[in-house]
Amino acid sequence: MRGEPNGFRAGPASQQGMRRANLALVLGVIARAPRSRAEVAAETGLTRAAVSSLAERLIAAGLVVEEGPAAPSGKVGRPGTALGLNPDGPAGLGAEIGVRHLGACVVDLRGEVRAWRRLEIRNQGRRPAAVMADLADLLHAAAAEAGLRPAGLTLAVPGLVGADGVLQRAANLGWQDVPLAAELRPALRAAGDDLAELPVGADNEANLGGLAERWLGAGPEDFLYVSAEAGVGAAIVVGGRLLRGARGYAGEFGHVPVHPDGLRCACGARGCLEQYAGEAAVLRAARLTGARGDWVALLAERATAGDTAARMALAGAARALGIAAAGAVNLLDPAEVVLGGGYAELAPWLLPALRAELAARVTVRPWAEERLTVARLGRRGPLLGAAVGVVRAIVADPGPLAAPGPGEGWTGPG
C-alpha cells in the first residue's frame, strides 16, 4: 500500500525481526489454503512448536481461526485442526475517486467483498475537501454494512500519485499537488472517529486495476493493462509486479503521442492518445458531446443499436489505441495486452480495429490475436485492487497486528 507507513517499528534485536518474518511465513501458507499445524510446519520448515506458538499469536490477533478437522493427508492418526484466514478479522477498505463517481469497498481477509458502495456524482472542478466529505460518508456506510474492522485504507485516483501519497496532477479532476491522506483524514473524523486513524495509502486507478487483474482475474505475470475512464491509463506488470518507473509515474499511456502534429492536449503536448481514445474524444466523434451520465453505457447502448456514428467513433479510438499499444508491445514484449476499465465494456466494438493495428505494427512475429484480452473485472478493478491490496499487505506482514509476547520489544500501529 503506497502512502503513509503502517506505523510498525521493529525492536533492536534481530530475533524480533525473525519472528515477524516467521509470522508472515506461516500466515502466507495458511492464506493459500487451510492447513493443519503439522502441514504448516512441513511446508515452512519450522518446528511444530514454533508453528503452534506463531499460530496462537495469529489467532489472538484475529487473523486466523480454527476451522475444524483438516483434510485427510493419508497419514496414520487423527487429522489435525485446520487453520484458515478469519473472515471476520481485520478487513481491507478501498476507496475510489472518479470524475463522475465515488466508490467504497470492504473485503475480508479471504478477499471476499463484504460491502460495495457507489455514488454517481460529478467531481470535476470540485474542491478536494468537498469530494472527501462525500467520500468519507460513503466509506463509513460501507464499513458499517460490512461489520468488520478495517486495518487500512487505499485510495484509487485518476492521476499521478507520488510515493509520498501526494496527487501531483489529476487533469480530469482539475486537481494538483493534493496530499490525499491529509485531505481525507479530517473528513473521516468529521463523519465518525472509527476510521480517522487508519493508515491511508493512494495509487493511480490503472495501477490498482492492473494489480487486481493479476491478483483476482488470473492475469499473466507479464502484461500491459490499458484502462479508460475519463482519461486513458495503463499498468505495466512485469514478473507479477507493477513497474512503477524511477519516480513512480510509469503508465501515463494517455499521453503517448499517436499523431505528433495532432490535437492539442490538456497536458500541453499535441496528438496524445487521450485526444483520440479518451471519453471526451470518443463522445465528440460519436456526436454525443454534452451527454450526461455513464458515457461507457451510453456508447455501448448506441453501438448495440447500430448507431453508425458511435461505431465509427469506437473504431477510430481503437485504431489510436492500437498505434500506442503496438509501440508498447514492441518495447516490452508482454504476454498479453488487457483492456480494462471502460474499454472492457466497449470491447466488442474496439477489438476488431485494435487487433488489426497490432497485427500490422507489432514487429515480433507472429502476433497472436489471443494475446489481446479483456479484463475479467471490468470497471470494478481499481476499487477491488485498492481494498484487496490492504489485506494482501496484512498477509505479507502481520507483525503490526499480531500482539507481541512479553518483553519482545515490538510496537504495533501507532
Protein backbone atom coordinates (compact mmCIF):
# COMPACT_ATOMS: atom_id res chain seq x y z
CA MET A 1 0.00 0.00 0.00
CA ARG A 2 1.54 3.28 -1.04
CA GLY A 3 1.22 6.41 1.05
CA GLU A 4 1.65 6.51 4.80
CA PRO A 5 3.77 3.94 6.67
CA ASN A 6 1.95 1.31 8.67
CA GLY A 7 3.41 2.54 11.93
CA PHE A 8 5.39 -0.63 12.74
CA ARG A 9 8.71 -0.14 14.49
CA ALA A 10 10.94 -3.17 14.78
CA GLY A 11 12.74 -3.82 18.05
CA PRO A 12 16.51 -3.58 18.24
CA ALA A 13 17.21 -7.32 18.31
CA SER A 14 17.27 -9.47 15.19
CA GLN A 15 15.16 -12.10 16.96
CA GLN A 16 12.13 -9.84 16.73
CA GLY A 17 12.66 -9.38 13.01
CA MET A 18 12.94 -13.12 12.57
CA ARG A 19 9.71 -13.74 14.45
CA ARG A 20 7.98 -11.12 12.36
CA ALA A 21 9.21 -12.86 9.20
CA ASN A 22 8.05 -16.23 10.54
CA LEU A 23 4.60 -14.83 11.30
CA ALA A 24 4.36 -13.76 7.67
CA LEU A 25 5.66 -17.15 6.51
CA VAL A 26 3.03 -19.06 8.49
CA LEU A 27 0.17 -16.73 7.55
CA GLY A 28 1.19 -16.88 3.88
CA VAL A 29 0.88 -20.68 3.86
CA ILE A 30 -2.50 -20.56 5.61
CA ALA A 31 -3.70 -17.89 3.16
CA ARG A 32 -3.18 -20.20 0.19
CA ALA A 33 -5.46 -22.87 1.69
CA PRO A 34 -6.44 -24.07 5.16
CA ARG A 35 -3.67 -26.16 6.75
CA SER A 36 -3.10 -28.07 9.96
CA ARG A 37 -0.24 -27.01 12.21
CA ALA A 38 1.69 -30.08 11.12
CA GLU A 39 1.17 -29.22 7.45
CA VAL A 40 2.31 -25.65 8.03
CA ALA A 41 5.44 -26.95 9.76
CA ALA A 42 6.16 -29.29 6.86
CA GLU A 43 5.73 -26.53 4.27
CA THR A 44 7.71 -23.87 6.11
CA GLY A 45 10.47 -25.97 7.65
CA LEU A 46 9.67 -24.56 11.09
CA THR A 47 9.28 -26.82 14.12
CA ARG A 48 5.78 -27.79 15.21
CA ALA A 49 6.34 -25.97 18.49
CA ALA A 50 7.29 -22.77 16.66
CA VAL A 51 4.28 -23.06 14.34
CA SER A 52 1.95 -23.62 17.28
CA SER A 53 3.31 -20.52 19.04
CA LEU A 54 3.02 -18.39 15.93
CA ALA A 55 -0.45 -19.74 15.14
CA GLU A 56 -1.66 -18.84 18.62
CA ARG A 57 -0.42 -15.33 18.12
CA LEU A 58 -2.23 -15.08 14.76
CA ILE A 59 -5.41 -16.45 16.34
CA ALA A 60 -5.17 -13.94 19.20
CA ALA A 61 -4.80 -11.13 16.65
CA GLY A 62 -8.00 -12.24 14.91
CA LEU A 63 -6.16 -13.13 11.71
CA VAL A 64 -6.60 -16.91 11.85
CA VAL A 65 -9.36 -19.24 13.05
CA GLU A 66 -9.57 -22.97 13.67
CA GLU A 67 -11.93 -24.38 11.04
CA GLY A 68 -12.29 -27.97 12.21
CA PRO A 69 -10.57 -31.20 11.16
CA ALA A 70 -8.03 -30.85 8.39
CA ALA A 71 -8.47 -32.74 5.14
CA PRO A 72 -7.12 -36.31 5.34
CA SER A 73 -3.42 -36.45 4.48
CA GLY A 74 -3.15 -40.22 4.08
CA LYS A 75 -1.01 -40.49 7.21
CA VAL A 76 -1.93 -42.70 10.16
CA GLY A 77 -3.55 -40.96 13.12
CA ARG A 78 -6.17 -38.35 13.77
CA PRO A 79 -6.16 -35.39 11.40
CA GLY A 80 -5.10 -32.08 12.89
CA THR A 81 -7.24 -28.98 13.16
CA ALA A 82 -7.25 -26.86 10.01
CA LEU A 83 -6.21 -23.22 10.34
CA GLY A 84 -7.74 -20.69 7.93
CA LEU A 85 -7.97 -16.97 7.47
CA ASN A 86 -10.55 -15.37 9.71
CA PRO A 87 -13.42 -14.00 7.58
CA ASP A 88 -14.41 -11.76 10.49
CA GLY A 89 -10.90 -10.48 11.12
CA PRO A 90 -9.24 -7.23 10.03
CA ALA A 91 -10.50 -6.05 6.66
CA GLY A 92 -9.31 -4.04 3.69
CA LEU A 93 -11.05 -0.78 2.87
CA GLY A 94 -10.84 0.61 -0.64
CA ALA A 95 -11.95 3.99 -1.94
CA GLU A 96 -12.17 5.42 -5.45
CA ILE A 97 -12.47 8.96 -6.72
CA GLY A 98 -13.64 9.10 -10.31
CA VAL A 99 -14.52 12.07 -12.45
CA ARG A 100 -18.20 11.10 -12.28
CA HIS A 101 -18.41 8.81 -9.27
CA LEU A 102 -17.15 7.83 -5.82
CA GLY A 103 -16.72 4.26 -4.63
CA ALA A 104 -16.10 2.35 -1.40
CA CYS A 105 -15.43 -1.33 -0.90
CA VAL A 106 -14.69 -3.62 2.06
CA VAL A 107 -13.09 -7.04 1.58
CA ASP A 108 -12.32 -9.59 4.29
CA LEU A 109 -9.01 -11.38 4.74
CA ARG A 110 -10.06 -14.01 2.20
CA GLY A 111 -10.63 -11.32 -0.43
CA GLU A 112 -14.41 -11.68 -0.37
CA VAL A 113 -16.36 -8.47 -0.95
CA ARG A 114 -18.41 -7.66 2.14
CA ALA A 115 -19.68 -4.23 1.15
CA TRP A 116 -19.77 -2.27 -2.11
CA ARG A 117 -20.99 1.32 -2.42
CA ARG A 118 -21.01 3.64 -5.43
CA LEU A 119 -22.24 7.21 -5.65
CA GLU A 120 -22.80 8.84 -9.03
CA ILE A 121 -21.57 12.40 -8.63
CA ARG A 122 -19.59 14.77 -10.83
CA ASN A 123 -16.28 15.59 -9.13
CA GLN A 124 -14.56 17.51 -11.91
CA GLY A 125 -13.75 21.02 -10.70
CA ARG A 126 -14.93 20.40 -7.13
CA ARG A 127 -12.65 21.27 -4.24
CA PRO A 128 -10.84 18.24 -2.73
CA ALA A 129 -12.34 18.92 0.71
CA ALA A 130 -15.89 18.72 -0.65
CA VAL A 131 -15.18 15.48 -2.50
CA MET A 132 -13.50 13.98 0.56
CA ALA A 133 -16.53 14.81 2.71
CA ASP A 134 -18.81 12.82 0.39
CA LEU A 135 -16.25 10.02 0.17
CA ALA A 136 -15.93 9.82 3.97
CA ASP A 137 -19.69 9.35 4.31
CA LEU A 138 -19.57 6.58 1.72
CA LEU A 139 -16.66 4.85 3.45
CA HIS A 140 -18.40 4.92 6.82
CA ALA A 141 -21.55 3.47 5.26
CA ALA A 142 -19.56 0.65 3.63
CA ALA A 143 -17.67 -0.16 6.83
CA ALA A 144 -20.91 -0.22 8.82
CA GLU A 145 -22.53 -2.53 6.26
CA ALA A 146 -19.60 -4.95 6.34
CA GLY A 147 -19.44 -5.03 10.13
CA LEU A 148 -15.68 -5.61 10.04
CA ARG A 149 -12.73 -3.68 11.46
CA PRO A 150 -10.71 -2.16 8.59
CA ALA A 151 -6.94 -2.34 9.08
CA GLY A 152 -6.09 0.19 6.39
CA LEU A 153 -7.45 2.20 3.50
CA THR A 154 -6.19 2.65 -0.05
CA LEU A 155 -7.50 5.34 -2.37
CA ALA A 156 -7.64 4.91 -6.16
CA VAL A 157 -7.43 8.19 -8.09
CA PRO A 158 -7.20 9.17 -11.79
CA GLY A 159 -3.83 10.88 -11.69
CA LEU A 160 -0.14 10.84 -10.84
CA VAL A 161 0.48 9.77 -7.25
CA GLY A 162 3.93 10.04 -5.73
CA ALA A 163 5.41 7.63 -3.20
CA ASP A 164 4.56 10.22 -0.53
CA GLY A 165 0.84 9.91 -1.29
CA VAL A 166 0.59 13.35 -2.89
CA LEU A 167 -1.56 13.55 -6.00
CA GLN A 168 0.74 15.53 -8.26
CA ARG A 169 -1.77 16.05 -11.04
CA ALA A 170 -5.22 14.82 -11.99
CA ALA A 171 -6.11 16.82 -15.09
CA ASN A 172 -9.60 15.39 -15.44
CA LEU A 173 -10.45 16.38 -11.87
CA GLY A 174 -8.67 19.72 -12.10
CA TRP A 175 -6.52 18.86 -9.04
CA GLN A 176 -2.83 19.47 -8.49
CA ASP A 177 -0.49 18.83 -5.53
CA VAL A 178 -3.17 17.37 -3.25
CA PRO A 179 -1.95 15.50 -0.12
CA LEU A 180 -4.64 12.84 -0.26
CA ALA A 181 -4.38 11.36 3.24
CA ALA A 182 -4.20 14.82 4.82
CA GLU A 183 -7.32 15.87 2.91
CA LEU A 184 -9.26 12.70 3.66
CA ARG A 185 -8.48 12.30 7.35
CA PRO A 186 -10.39 15.39 8.62
CA ALA A 187 -13.38 14.32 6.57
CA LEU A 188 -13.24 10.82 8.07
CA ARG A 189 -13.02 12.32 11.54
CA ALA A 190 -15.98 14.59 10.91
CA ALA A 191 -18.05 11.63 9.71
CA GLY A 192 -17.07 9.46 12.71
CA ASP A 193 -13.87 8.69 14.60
CA ASP A 194 -13.66 4.96 13.89
CA LEU A 195 -11.87 5.30 10.51
CA ALA A 196 -9.94 8.51 11.10
CA GLU A 197 -6.71 6.90 12.33
CA LEU A 198 -6.40 4.18 9.70
CA PRO A 199 -3.18 4.02 7.68
CA VAL A 200 -4.05 5.64 4.34
CA GLY A 201 -2.35 4.89 1.04
CA ALA A 202 -3.10 6.01 -2.50
CA ASP A 203 -2.30 4.94 -6.03
CA ASN A 204 -3.27 5.54 -9.62
CA GLU A 205 -6.52 3.83 -10.59
CA ALA A 206 -4.98 2.00 -13.57
CA ASN A 207 -2.19 0.63 -11.39
CA LEU A 208 -4.71 -0.77 -8.94
CA GLY A 209 -6.89 -2.12 -11.75
CA GLY A 210 -3.91 -3.91 -13.27
CA LEU A 211 -2.87 -5.38 -9.92
CA ALA A 212 -6.43 -6.55 -9.24
CA GLU A 213 -6.46 -8.28 -12.61
CA ARG A 214 -3.26 -10.08 -11.65
CA TRP A 215 -4.48 -10.99 -8.16
CA LEU A 216 -8.13 -11.82 -8.89
CA GLY A 217 -8.55 -12.12 -12.63
CA ALA A 218 -5.89 -14.74 -13.33
CA GLY A 219 -3.76 -12.28 -15.28
CA PRO A 220 -0.35 -13.49 -16.50
CA GLU A 221 2.92 -12.46 -14.89
CA ASP A 222 3.75 -10.03 -17.71
CA PHE A 223 1.05 -7.88 -19.28
CA LEU A 224 0.08 -4.37 -20.28
CA TYR A 225 -3.22 -3.27 -18.75
CA VAL A 226 -4.90 -0.41 -20.63
CA SER A 227 -7.80 1.32 -18.93
CA ALA A 228 -10.25 4.11 -19.68
CA GLU A 229 -12.50 6.22 -17.51
CA ALA A 230 -12.46 9.93 -18.34
CA GLY A 231 -8.83 9.61 -19.39
CA VAL A 232 -6.60 6.76 -20.50
CA GLY A 233 -4.15 5.00 -18.20
CA ALA A 234 -2.08 1.86 -18.10
CA ALA A 235 -0.39 -0.51 -15.69
CA ILE A 236 2.75 -2.39 -16.67
CA VAL A 237 3.07 -5.68 -14.81
CA VAL A 238 6.42 -7.47 -15.10
CA GLY A 239 7.14 -10.70 -13.26
CA GLY A 240 3.86 -10.32 -11.39
CA ARG A 241 4.89 -6.93 -10.01
CA LEU A 242 3.97 -3.41 -11.01
CA LEU A 243 6.62 -1.50 -12.94
CA ARG A 244 6.48 2.00 -11.46
CA GLY A 245 9.44 3.75 -13.06
CA ALA A 246 12.10 5.92 -11.45
CA ARG A 247 9.62 8.38 -9.88
CA GLY A 248 6.57 6.14 -9.68
CA TYR A 249 4.78 7.63 -12.68
CA ALA A 250 5.06 4.82 -15.25
CA GLY A 251 1.88 4.10 -17.17
CA GLU A 252 0.86 7.52 -18.49
CA PHE A 253 -0.46 5.79 -21.58
CA GLY A 254 -2.96 8.52 -22.40
CA HIS A 255 -0.11 10.90 -23.20
CA VAL A 256 1.71 8.66 -25.65
CA PRO A 257 1.69 10.60 -28.95
CA VAL A 258 -0.20 8.84 -31.73
CA HIS A 259 -0.42 11.83 -34.09
CA PRO A 260 2.60 14.10 -33.41
CA ASP A 261 1.03 17.11 -35.12
CA GLY A 262 -2.46 16.37 -33.91
CA LEU A 263 -4.85 17.92 -31.45
CA ARG A 264 -3.58 19.94 -28.50
CA CYS A 265 -3.86 18.02 -25.22
CA ALA A 266 -4.55 19.43 -21.75
CA CYS A 267 -1.01 18.37 -20.83
CA GLY A 268 0.35 20.89 -23.38
CA ALA A 269 1.56 18.40 -25.97
CA ARG A 270 -0.04 17.52 -29.31
CA GLY A 271 -1.52 14.29 -30.58
CA CYS A 272 -1.78 12.44 -27.26
CA LEU A 273 -3.74 9.19 -27.26
CA GLU A 274 -6.28 10.66 -24.86
CA GLN A 275 -7.32 13.16 -27.55
CA TYR A 276 -8.43 10.25 -29.75
CA ALA A 277 -9.44 7.47 -27.34
CA GLY A 278 -10.49 9.25 -24.13
CA GLU A 279 -14.06 9.94 -23.04
CA ALA A 280 -14.38 13.45 -24.47
CA ALA A 281 -12.81 12.48 -27.78
CA VAL A 282 -15.00 9.43 -28.34
CA LEU A 283 -18.19 11.24 -27.35
CA ARG A 284 -17.27 14.09 -29.70
CA ALA A 285 -16.66 11.70 -32.59
CA ALA A 286 -19.94 9.90 -31.80
CA ARG A 287 -21.80 13.26 -31.91
CA LEU A 288 -22.70 12.93 -28.24
CA THR A 289 -20.90 16.00 -26.91
CA GLY A 290 -22.59 17.23 -23.77
CA ALA A 291 -24.09 13.83 -22.94
CA ARG A 292 -24.53 13.24 -19.22
CA GLY A 293 -24.35 10.10 -17.14
CA ASP A 294 -22.37 6.95 -17.80
CA TRP A 295 -20.56 7.56 -21.10
CA VAL A 296 -19.49 3.93 -21.47
CA ALA A 297 -23.03 2.63 -21.04
CA LEU A 298 -24.34 5.27 -23.46
CA LEU A 299 -21.83 4.35 -26.16
CA ALA A 300 -22.47 0.64 -25.68
CA GLU A 301 -26.21 1.24 -25.97
CA ARG A 302 -25.82 3.28 -29.17
CA ALA A 303 -23.35 0.85 -30.73
CA THR A 304 -25.59 -2.12 -29.89
CA ALA A 305 -28.48 -0.35 -31.59
CA GLY A 306 -26.36 0.02 -34.74
CA ASP A 307 -25.66 3.75 -34.44
CA THR A 308 -23.13 4.42 -37.22
CA ALA A 309 -21.53 7.44 -35.55
CA ALA A 310 -20.99 5.56 -32.28
CA ARG A 311 -19.46 2.57 -34.04
CA MET A 312 -17.18 4.73 -36.16
CA ALA A 313 -16.09 6.67 -33.08
CA LEU A 314 -15.17 3.46 -31.29
CA ALA A 315 -13.32 2.13 -34.33
CA GLY A 316 -11.33 5.36 -34.52
CA ALA A 317 -10.48 5.12 -30.83
CA ALA A 318 -9.39 1.53 -31.35
CA ARG A 319 -7.04 2.49 -34.17
CA ALA A 320 -5.38 5.11 -31.96
CA LEU A 321 -5.16 2.59 -29.13
CA GLY A 322 -3.60 0.08 -31.50
CA ILE A 323 -0.87 2.52 -32.56
CA ALA A 324 0.07 3.21 -28.92
CA ALA A 325 -0.27 -0.39 -27.81
CA ALA A 326 1.89 -1.67 -30.68
CA GLY A 327 4.71 0.61 -29.57
CA ALA A 328 4.41 -0.70 -26.03
CA VAL A 329 4.34 -4.31 -27.21
CA ASN A 330 7.43 -3.81 -29.36
CA LEU A 331 9.21 -2.22 -26.41
CA LEU A 332 8.10 -4.50 -23.57
CA ASP A 333 7.04 -7.80 -25.20
CA PRO A 334 4.22 -8.51 -22.72
CA ALA A 335 2.42 -11.84 -22.74
CA GLU A 336 -0.90 -10.02 -23.12
CA VAL A 337 -2.48 -6.64 -23.66
CA VAL A 338 -5.52 -6.43 -21.37
CA LEU A 339 -8.38 -4.00 -21.95
CA GLY A 340 -9.70 -2.79 -18.61
CA GLY A 341 -11.99 -0.15 -17.16
CA GLY A 342 -14.49 1.29 -19.64
CA TYR A 343 -12.65 -0.35 -22.51
CA ALA A 344 -13.61 -3.78 -21.17
CA GLU A 345 -17.30 -2.97 -21.62
CA LEU A 346 -16.70 -1.47 -25.07
CA ALA A 347 -14.52 -4.36 -26.22
CA PRO A 348 -16.96 -5.81 -28.79
CA TRP A 349 -16.55 -2.65 -30.89
CA LEU A 350 -12.90 -1.97 -30.09
CA LEU A 351 -11.36 -5.37 -30.67
CA PRO A 352 -11.57 -5.65 -34.49
CA ALA A 353 -9.68 -2.44 -35.30
CA LEU A 354 -7.34 -2.85 -32.34
CA ARG A 355 -6.40 -6.37 -33.46
CA ALA A 356 -5.77 -5.13 -36.98
CA GLU A 357 -3.42 -2.37 -35.80
CA LEU A 358 -1.47 -4.73 -33.55
CA ALA A 359 -1.17 -7.32 -36.31
CA ALA A 360 0.16 -4.70 -38.70
CA ARG A 361 2.54 -2.90 -36.33
CA VAL A 362 3.98 -5.44 -33.88
CA THR A 363 7.39 -6.44 -35.20
CA VAL A 364 7.83 -9.59 -33.08
CA ARG A 365 6.04 -12.13 -35.24
CA PRO A 366 3.71 -13.78 -35.17
CA TRP A 367 1.34 -11.58 -33.20
CA ALA A 368 -1.40 -13.89 -31.93
CA GLU A 369 -4.75 -12.18 -31.55
CA GLU A 370 -5.46 -14.17 -28.36
CA ARG A 371 -2.77 -12.07 -26.69
CA LEU A 372 -5.26 -9.21 -26.70
CA THR A 373 -7.71 -9.95 -23.88
CA VAL A 374 -10.49 -8.28 -21.91
CA ALA A 375 -10.19 -7.72 -18.15
CA ARG A 376 -12.40 -10.07 -16.18
CA LEU A 377 -13.01 -7.43 -13.51
CA GLY A 378 -14.10 -4.68 -15.91
CA ARG A 379 -14.61 -1.35 -14.20
CA ARG A 380 -14.57 -2.95 -10.73
CA GLY A 381 -10.82 -3.47 -10.93
CA PRO A 382 -9.43 -0.25 -9.37
CA LEU A 383 -11.69 -0.33 -6.32
CA LEU A 384 -11.12 -4.07 -5.79
CA GLY A 385 -7.39 -3.55 -6.18
CA ALA A 386 -7.46 -0.82 -3.54
CA ALA A 387 -9.25 -2.97 -0.96
CA VAL A 388 -7.53 -6.28 -1.73
CA GLY A 389 -4.13 -4.58 -1.62
CA VAL A 390 -4.73 -3.80 2.06
CA VAL A 391 -5.41 -7.41 3.03
CA ARG A 392 -2.51 -8.66 0.93
CA ALA A 393 -0.27 -6.27 2.87
CA ILE A 394 -1.59 -7.75 6.12
CA VAL A 395 -0.83 -11.29 4.97
CA ALA A 396 2.63 -10.25 3.79
CA ASP A 397 3.41 -8.61 7.14
CA PRO A 398 1.01 -9.41 10.00
CA GLY A 399 3.50 -8.17 12.61
CA PRO A 400 1.80 -4.79 13.20
CA LEU A 401 -1.49 -6.54 14.05
CA ALA A 402 -0.19 -9.61 15.90
CA ALA A 403 0.13 -8.97 19.62
CA PRO A 404 3.73 -9.12 20.91
CA GLY A 405 4.78 -11.53 23.58
CA PRO A 406 6.11 -10.32 26.94
CA GLY A 407 9.37 -8.42 26.67
CA GLU A 408 9.68 -8.74 22.90
CA GLY A 409 10.17 -5.06 22.21
CA TRP A 410 7.65 -4.76 19.38
CA THR A 411 5.30 -1.85 18.97
CA GLY A 412 2.26 -2.10 16.74
CA PRO A 413 0.33 0.56 14.86
CA GLY A 414 0.77 3.93 16.42
